[in-house]
Protein backbone atom coordinates (compact mmCIF):
# COMPACT_ATOMS: atom_id res chain seq x y z
CA MET A 1 -68.96 161.89 264.88
CA SER A 2 -65.61 163.25 263.72
CA MET A 3 -63.81 160.05 265.03
CA MET A 4 -66.03 157.99 262.70
CA HIS A 5 -65.55 160.27 259.73
CA ALA A 6 -61.80 160.26 259.73
CA PRO A 7 -61.17 156.52 258.99
CA THR A 8 -63.89 156.62 256.28
CA LEU A 9 -62.04 159.39 254.54
CA LEU A 10 -58.82 157.51 254.71
CA LEU A 11 -60.24 154.43 253.25
CA ALA A 12 -61.63 156.30 250.34
CA VAL A 13 -58.17 157.90 249.66
CA SER A 14 -56.30 154.52 249.84
CA ALA A 15 -58.85 152.97 247.32
CA PHE A 16 -58.59 156.04 245.03
CA TRP A 17 -54.91 156.13 244.31
CA PRO A 18 -54.63 152.84 242.21
CA LEU A 19 -57.53 153.97 240.20
CA VAL A 20 -55.69 157.17 239.31
CA ALA A 21 -52.66 155.06 238.14
CA GLN A 22 -54.94 152.83 236.18
CA CYS A 23 -56.39 155.72 234.26
CA ALA A 24 -53.23 156.87 232.83
CA PRO A 25 -52.82 156.82 229.09
CA ALA A 26 -52.02 153.33 227.73
CA ILE A 27 -50.66 151.31 224.96
CA THR A 28 -51.76 147.57 224.41
CA ALA A 29 -49.52 144.77 223.65
CA PHE A 30 -50.82 141.75 221.72
CA ASP A 31 -54.02 143.65 221.06
CA ALA A 32 -56.70 141.45 219.39
CA GLU A 33 -54.43 138.44 219.14
CA ARG A 34 -54.85 134.86 219.98
CA ILE A 35 -51.62 133.31 221.22
CA ALA A 36 -51.16 129.56 220.91
CA ALA A 37 -48.29 127.74 222.51
CA PRO A 38 -47.34 124.07 223.31
CA SER A 39 -48.25 123.08 226.62
CA ASN A 40 -44.79 121.38 227.22
CA THR A 41 -42.89 124.67 226.42
CA ALA A 42 -39.86 124.83 228.72
CA ILE A 43 -39.84 127.30 231.53
CA GLY A 44 -38.30 130.60 230.57
CA VAL A 45 -39.07 130.26 226.78
CA VAL A 46 -40.37 133.53 225.32
CA LEU A 47 -43.62 132.78 223.46
CA ALA A 48 -44.53 136.23 222.17
CA ARG A 49 -42.98 139.66 221.73
CA ASN A 50 -44.46 143.14 221.09
CA TYR A 51 -42.44 146.25 220.34
CA PHE A 52 -43.22 149.89 220.91
CA THR A 53 -41.20 153.08 219.99
CA THR A 54 -40.22 155.91 222.34
CA GLN A 55 -42.81 158.02 220.47
CA GLN A 56 -45.51 155.59 221.44
CA LEU A 57 -44.24 155.60 225.12
CA CYS A 58 -43.65 159.29 225.82
CA GLU A 59 -44.30 161.01 222.48
CA LYS A 60 -40.63 161.99 222.22
CA ASP A 61 -37.45 160.48 220.68
CA VAL A 62 -35.91 159.99 224.13
CA CYS A 63 -37.77 158.93 227.22
CA GLU A 64 -36.35 159.53 230.68
CA VAL A 65 -37.91 156.87 232.68
CA THR A 66 -38.01 157.55 236.37
CA GLY A 67 -39.81 154.54 237.70
CA ALA A 68 -42.51 152.07 237.22
CA THR A 69 -45.38 150.24 238.83
CA LEU A 70 -45.88 146.60 238.01
CA TYR A 71 -49.06 144.74 238.69
CA ASN A 72 -49.29 140.91 239.08
CA LYS A 73 -52.34 139.72 237.23
CA ALA A 74 -53.27 143.25 236.31
CA VAL A 75 -54.59 143.71 239.92
CA PRO A 76 -53.98 147.33 241.20
CA TRP A 77 -53.19 146.26 244.71
CA ASN A 78 -50.93 143.36 243.88
CA THR A 79 -47.72 145.07 242.89
CA ALA A 80 -44.36 143.51 242.10
CA ASP A 81 -40.75 144.61 242.19
CA GLY A 82 -40.05 143.03 238.72
CA PRO A 83 -38.89 142.39 236.27
CA ASP A 84 -41.16 139.39 236.02
CA VAL A 85 -44.84 139.85 236.49
CA GLU A 86 -47.55 137.21 236.75
CA THR A 87 -50.24 137.38 234.16
CA SER A 88 -53.96 136.33 234.67
CA VAL A 89 -53.08 133.08 232.52
CA SER A 90 -51.56 130.40 234.59
CA GLY A 91 -48.20 129.39 233.15
CA LEU A 92 -47.54 132.76 231.61
CA SER A 93 -45.48 135.75 232.85
CA VAL A 94 -44.66 139.03 231.28
CA ARG A 95 -41.74 141.44 231.47
CA VAL A 96 -40.90 144.75 229.85
CA LEU A 97 -37.38 145.51 228.38
CA LEU A 98 -36.24 149.10 227.85
CA ASP A 99 -33.60 149.18 225.16
CA GLY A 100 -32.97 145.54 226.03
CA VAL A 101 -32.78 146.06 229.89
CA PRO A 102 -35.49 144.35 231.99
CA MET A 103 -37.60 146.86 233.72
CA LYS A 104 -38.07 146.87 237.49
CA ARG A 105 -40.03 149.13 239.90
CA ALA A 106 -36.88 151.14 240.76
CA THR A 107 -35.67 151.49 237.19
CA ARG A 108 -34.34 154.85 236.18
CA GLN A 109 -33.20 154.87 232.56
CA THR A 110 -32.85 156.92 229.39
CA VAL A 111 -34.64 155.05 226.67
CA ARG A 112 -33.57 155.91 223.15
CA ASN A 113 -34.64 152.97 220.98
CA MET A 114 -37.32 150.38 221.85
CA VAL A 115 -39.69 149.16 224.45
CA GLU A 116 -40.14 145.35 224.21
CA VAL A 117 -42.94 143.29 225.97
CA GLN A 118 -42.14 139.67 226.45
CA LEU A 119 -44.61 136.82 227.25
CA PHE A 120 -42.79 133.78 228.69
CA ARG A 121 -43.47 130.39 230.29
CA ASP A 122 -43.17 130.31 234.04
CA ASN A 123 -43.22 127.42 236.45
CA LYS A 124 -46.91 127.23 236.92
CA THR A 125 -49.35 124.77 235.28
CA PRO A 126 -50.34 126.09 231.97
CA LYS A 127 -54.12 126.75 231.51
CA ASN A 128 -56.00 128.50 228.79
CA GLY A 129 -57.22 132.00 229.64
CA THR A 130 -57.19 135.69 228.85
CA LEU A 131 -54.64 138.41 229.58
CA LYS A 132 -57.38 140.98 229.92
CA PRO A 133 -59.12 139.67 233.14
CA GLY A 134 -61.42 142.55 233.33
CA THR A 135 -62.26 146.08 231.99
CA VAL A 136 -58.82 147.13 233.02
CA SER A 137 -55.93 144.78 231.91
CA ARG A 138 -52.97 147.16 232.96
CA TYR A 139 -49.90 145.28 234.04
CA PHE A 140 -47.34 148.27 233.91
CA ILE A 141 -47.20 151.99 234.58
CA ILE A 142 -44.11 153.67 233.29
CA ASN A 143 -43.19 157.03 234.64
CA TYR A 144 -41.08 159.47 232.76
CA GLY A 145 -39.41 162.92 232.78
CA GLY A 146 -40.85 166.43 233.30
CA LEU A 147 -41.18 168.54 236.38
CA LEU A 148 -44.34 167.01 237.44
CA GLY A 149 -43.87 163.73 235.61
CA SER A 150 -46.10 161.86 233.24
CA SER A 151 -46.96 158.19 232.83
CA THR A 152 -48.09 155.61 230.26
CA GLY A 153 -49.61 152.17 231.01
CA ILE A 154 -49.14 149.06 229.23
CA ASN A 155 -52.11 146.66 228.94
CA LEU A 156 -52.22 143.19 227.49
CA GLY A 157 -54.99 142.25 225.24
CA ALA A 158 -54.58 138.53 224.08
CA ASP A 159 -56.37 135.23 224.69
CA VAL A 160 -54.00 132.34 225.33
CA ASN A 161 -54.42 128.64 224.32
CA PHE A 162 -51.95 125.96 225.40
CA ILE A 163 -52.10 123.09 222.93
CA ASN A 164 -51.15 119.48 223.67
CA GLY A 165 -48.75 118.25 221.20
CA THR A 166 -46.31 119.66 218.55
CA CYS A 167 -45.14 118.70 215.04
CA SER A 168 -42.46 116.01 214.73
CA VAL A 169 -39.50 116.29 212.33
CA PRO A 170 -37.92 112.84 211.48
CA ASN A 171 -34.25 112.62 210.95
CA GLN A 172 -33.45 112.68 207.28
CA THR A 173 -30.48 112.02 205.08
CA VAL A 174 -30.21 113.55 201.55
CA ASN A 175 -27.69 111.78 199.26
CA LEU A 176 -26.23 113.86 196.39
CA PRO A 177 -24.80 112.29 193.27
CA ASP A 178 -21.09 112.02 192.68
CA VAL A 179 -19.72 114.81 190.68
CA SER A 180 -16.26 115.83 189.13
CA ARG A 181 -14.11 118.62 190.23
CA THR A 182 -14.15 120.03 186.65
CA SER A 183 -17.88 120.40 186.78
CA PHE A 184 -17.53 123.61 188.86
CA ARG A 185 -17.07 126.99 187.27
CA GLY A 186 -15.64 129.04 190.07
CA VAL A 187 -16.54 130.11 193.64
CA GLY A 188 -20.31 130.21 194.20
CA SER A 189 -21.05 127.83 191.25
CA THR A 190 -23.29 124.82 191.91
CA VAL A 191 -23.61 121.40 190.55
CA GLY A 192 -25.20 117.97 191.57
CA GLY A 193 -28.56 119.22 192.75
CA ARG A 194 -31.29 117.14 194.26
CA SER A 195 -34.79 118.09 195.46
CA PHE A 196 -36.02 116.86 198.61
CA SER A 197 -38.83 117.66 201.15
CA LEU A 198 -38.49 118.57 204.86
CA ARG A 199 -41.15 116.71 206.38
CA LEU A 200 -43.29 117.61 209.40
CA THR A 201 -45.62 114.89 210.85
CA ASN A 202 -48.45 114.75 213.26
CA CYS A 203 -49.15 118.53 213.61
CA PRO A 204 -51.99 119.13 216.05
CA ALA A 205 -54.77 121.69 215.26
CA GLY A 206 -54.87 125.07 217.01
CA TYR A 207 -51.76 126.99 216.25
CA ASN A 208 -51.83 130.34 214.37
CA ARG A 209 -48.52 129.62 212.63
CA VAL A 210 -45.78 126.97 212.70
CA GLY A 211 -42.36 128.13 211.52
CA TYR A 212 -39.11 126.26 210.76
CA GLN A 213 -35.52 127.39 211.29
CA VAL A 214 -32.46 125.73 209.70
CA SER A 215 -29.26 125.99 211.74
CA PRO A 216 -25.97 124.71 210.28
CA LEU A 217 -24.25 122.24 212.54
CA ASN A 218 -20.83 123.56 211.57
CA GLY A 219 -21.79 127.05 210.79
CA PRO A 220 -22.64 128.85 207.44
CA ILE A 221 -20.04 129.74 204.81
CA SER A 222 -19.36 133.41 204.84
CA GLY A 223 -20.27 135.23 201.40
CA ILE A 224 -22.34 132.33 200.04
CA PRO A 225 -25.99 132.48 201.15
CA GLY A 226 -27.66 129.17 202.05
CA ALA A 227 -24.31 127.33 202.21
CA LEU A 228 -23.31 124.87 204.89
CA ASN A 229 -19.86 124.18 206.17
CA LEU A 230 -18.66 120.59 205.94
CA ARG A 231 -18.50 118.19 208.80
CA PRO A 232 -15.09 117.49 210.30
CA ASP A 233 -15.18 113.94 208.98
CA SER A 234 -15.40 115.25 205.36
CA THR A 235 -12.27 114.52 203.22
CA ALA A 236 -13.17 116.95 200.29
CA SER A 237 -12.17 120.56 200.57
CA GLY A 238 -13.10 123.74 198.68
CA VAL A 239 -16.80 122.85 198.49
CA GLY A 240 -19.88 123.01 200.82
CA ILE A 241 -23.60 122.18 200.54
CA LYS A 242 -26.12 124.88 199.57
CA LEU A 243 -29.78 124.73 200.48
CA SER A 244 -32.51 126.65 198.70
CA ASP A 245 -36.24 126.98 198.65
CA ALA A 246 -37.48 124.74 195.71
CA LYS A 247 -40.39 127.16 194.85
CA THR A 248 -38.55 130.40 194.82
CA GLN A 249 -35.08 128.98 194.14
CA LEU A 250 -33.83 131.48 196.80
CA PRO A 251 -31.04 130.45 199.25
CA LEU A 252 -32.34 129.45 202.62
CA VAL A 253 -31.87 132.11 205.39
CA PHE A 254 -30.26 130.33 208.34
CA ASP A 255 -31.43 130.69 211.90
CA ARG A 256 -34.56 132.73 211.03
CA SER A 257 -38.08 131.53 211.25
CA ILE A 258 -39.76 130.57 207.89
CA ALA A 259 -43.51 129.94 207.72
CA THR A 260 -44.65 126.42 206.96
CA PRO A 261 -47.81 125.64 204.92
CA TYR A 262 -49.55 124.73 208.18
CA ASN A 263 -53.05 126.36 208.23
CA GLY A 264 -54.27 125.75 211.75
CA SER A 265 -55.88 122.30 211.09
CA ALA A 266 -54.51 118.95 212.21
CA ALA A 267 -52.10 117.60 209.55
CA ALA A 268 -50.57 114.05 209.46
CA GLN A 269 -47.88 115.29 207.11
CA ILE A 270 -46.62 118.64 205.85
CA ASP A 271 -43.84 118.73 203.14
CA ILE A 272 -41.67 121.67 202.50
CA PRO A 273 -39.94 121.46 199.15
CA LEU A 274 -36.13 122.32 199.28
CA ASN A 275 -33.08 121.76 197.10
CA ALA A 276 -29.60 120.64 198.10
CA GLU A 277 -26.48 120.99 195.80
CA TYR A 278 -22.73 121.19 196.02
CA VAL A 279 -21.28 124.63 195.84
CA GLN A 280 -17.68 125.73 195.17
CA THR A 281 -16.25 127.70 198.15
CA GLU A 282 -12.64 128.14 197.29
CA GLU A 283 -10.59 128.45 194.08
CA LYS A 284 -8.89 125.09 194.86
CA ILE A 285 -11.10 121.90 195.10
CA THR A 286 -9.83 118.66 196.71
CA GLY A 287 -11.68 115.52 195.86
CA GLY A 288 -13.19 113.25 198.58
CA THR A 289 -16.29 112.69 200.73
CA VAL A 290 -18.66 115.48 201.46
CA GLN A 291 -20.82 115.60 204.52
CA ALA A 292 -22.80 118.63 205.90
CA GLY A 293 -25.48 118.83 208.54
CA ALA A 294 -28.12 121.12 209.81
CA LEU A 295 -30.62 121.28 212.90
CA VAL A 296 -34.17 121.95 212.20
CA LEU A 297 -36.09 123.89 214.89
CA LEU A 298 -39.77 124.51 214.89
CA ASP A 299 -41.53 127.52 216.55
CA TYR A 300 -45.17 128.01 217.26
CA GLN A 301 -47.55 130.93 217.63
């Protein structure tokens, strides 16, 4: 009888330990969100981020992390070394960064600022699904300081939809009128403005948000918000091209996502009204041709 009882007891213990870890206090990333992403998103691209403070992690200003347990697909017996962890959604993996450093199972680190959770495309075929496959959706257990030690779990709580298709942005040229050097009134002054629309076409339905970013091809002009440096083949000097939002009249902020009017429905065309104008950038202006350029990037949520 005793020989039969011993293995039964061992089996009960081995099944019990993961449940203890899974019952640690937890914080949830992407809680109650629906994440939408293009199905053709390149491998490695981060699709969503969620941030937590050290207070949320360990209830202190500084957390002394002593290790972690990482669960592929939120399955307690399917652990990973990290930093990348498979989610329950095909085509999507997750990682945790502690003050910008990817967390692994053997991580020992003093965390003073931020905990970041990143969802990113992996090399598997993308399929719609949920990041919370059951009643427990714990992907990480982070252990931190103290004599006996404490731990906090990180759950994921979003549904994910991969959408076939993205918006298109046709190439566009904006021609400004000829102006005289004497029209300017000093550094920062503008003349020769023209309104135009940044046009998005063939946007599919289903995204939560579509944003756009404007990135100057030759960099921005320091000290003048919204101003583009000229292309190398320009012959004029002392001027640049300034872009602004036609509705607010505020200069465009470069390399930062700005929401478009997209509302989740399919749209054959979306117009974003902007202004372009010459801007004086130096005390001395030399006449000639003026050319500037920018790259427009779209992001999806």
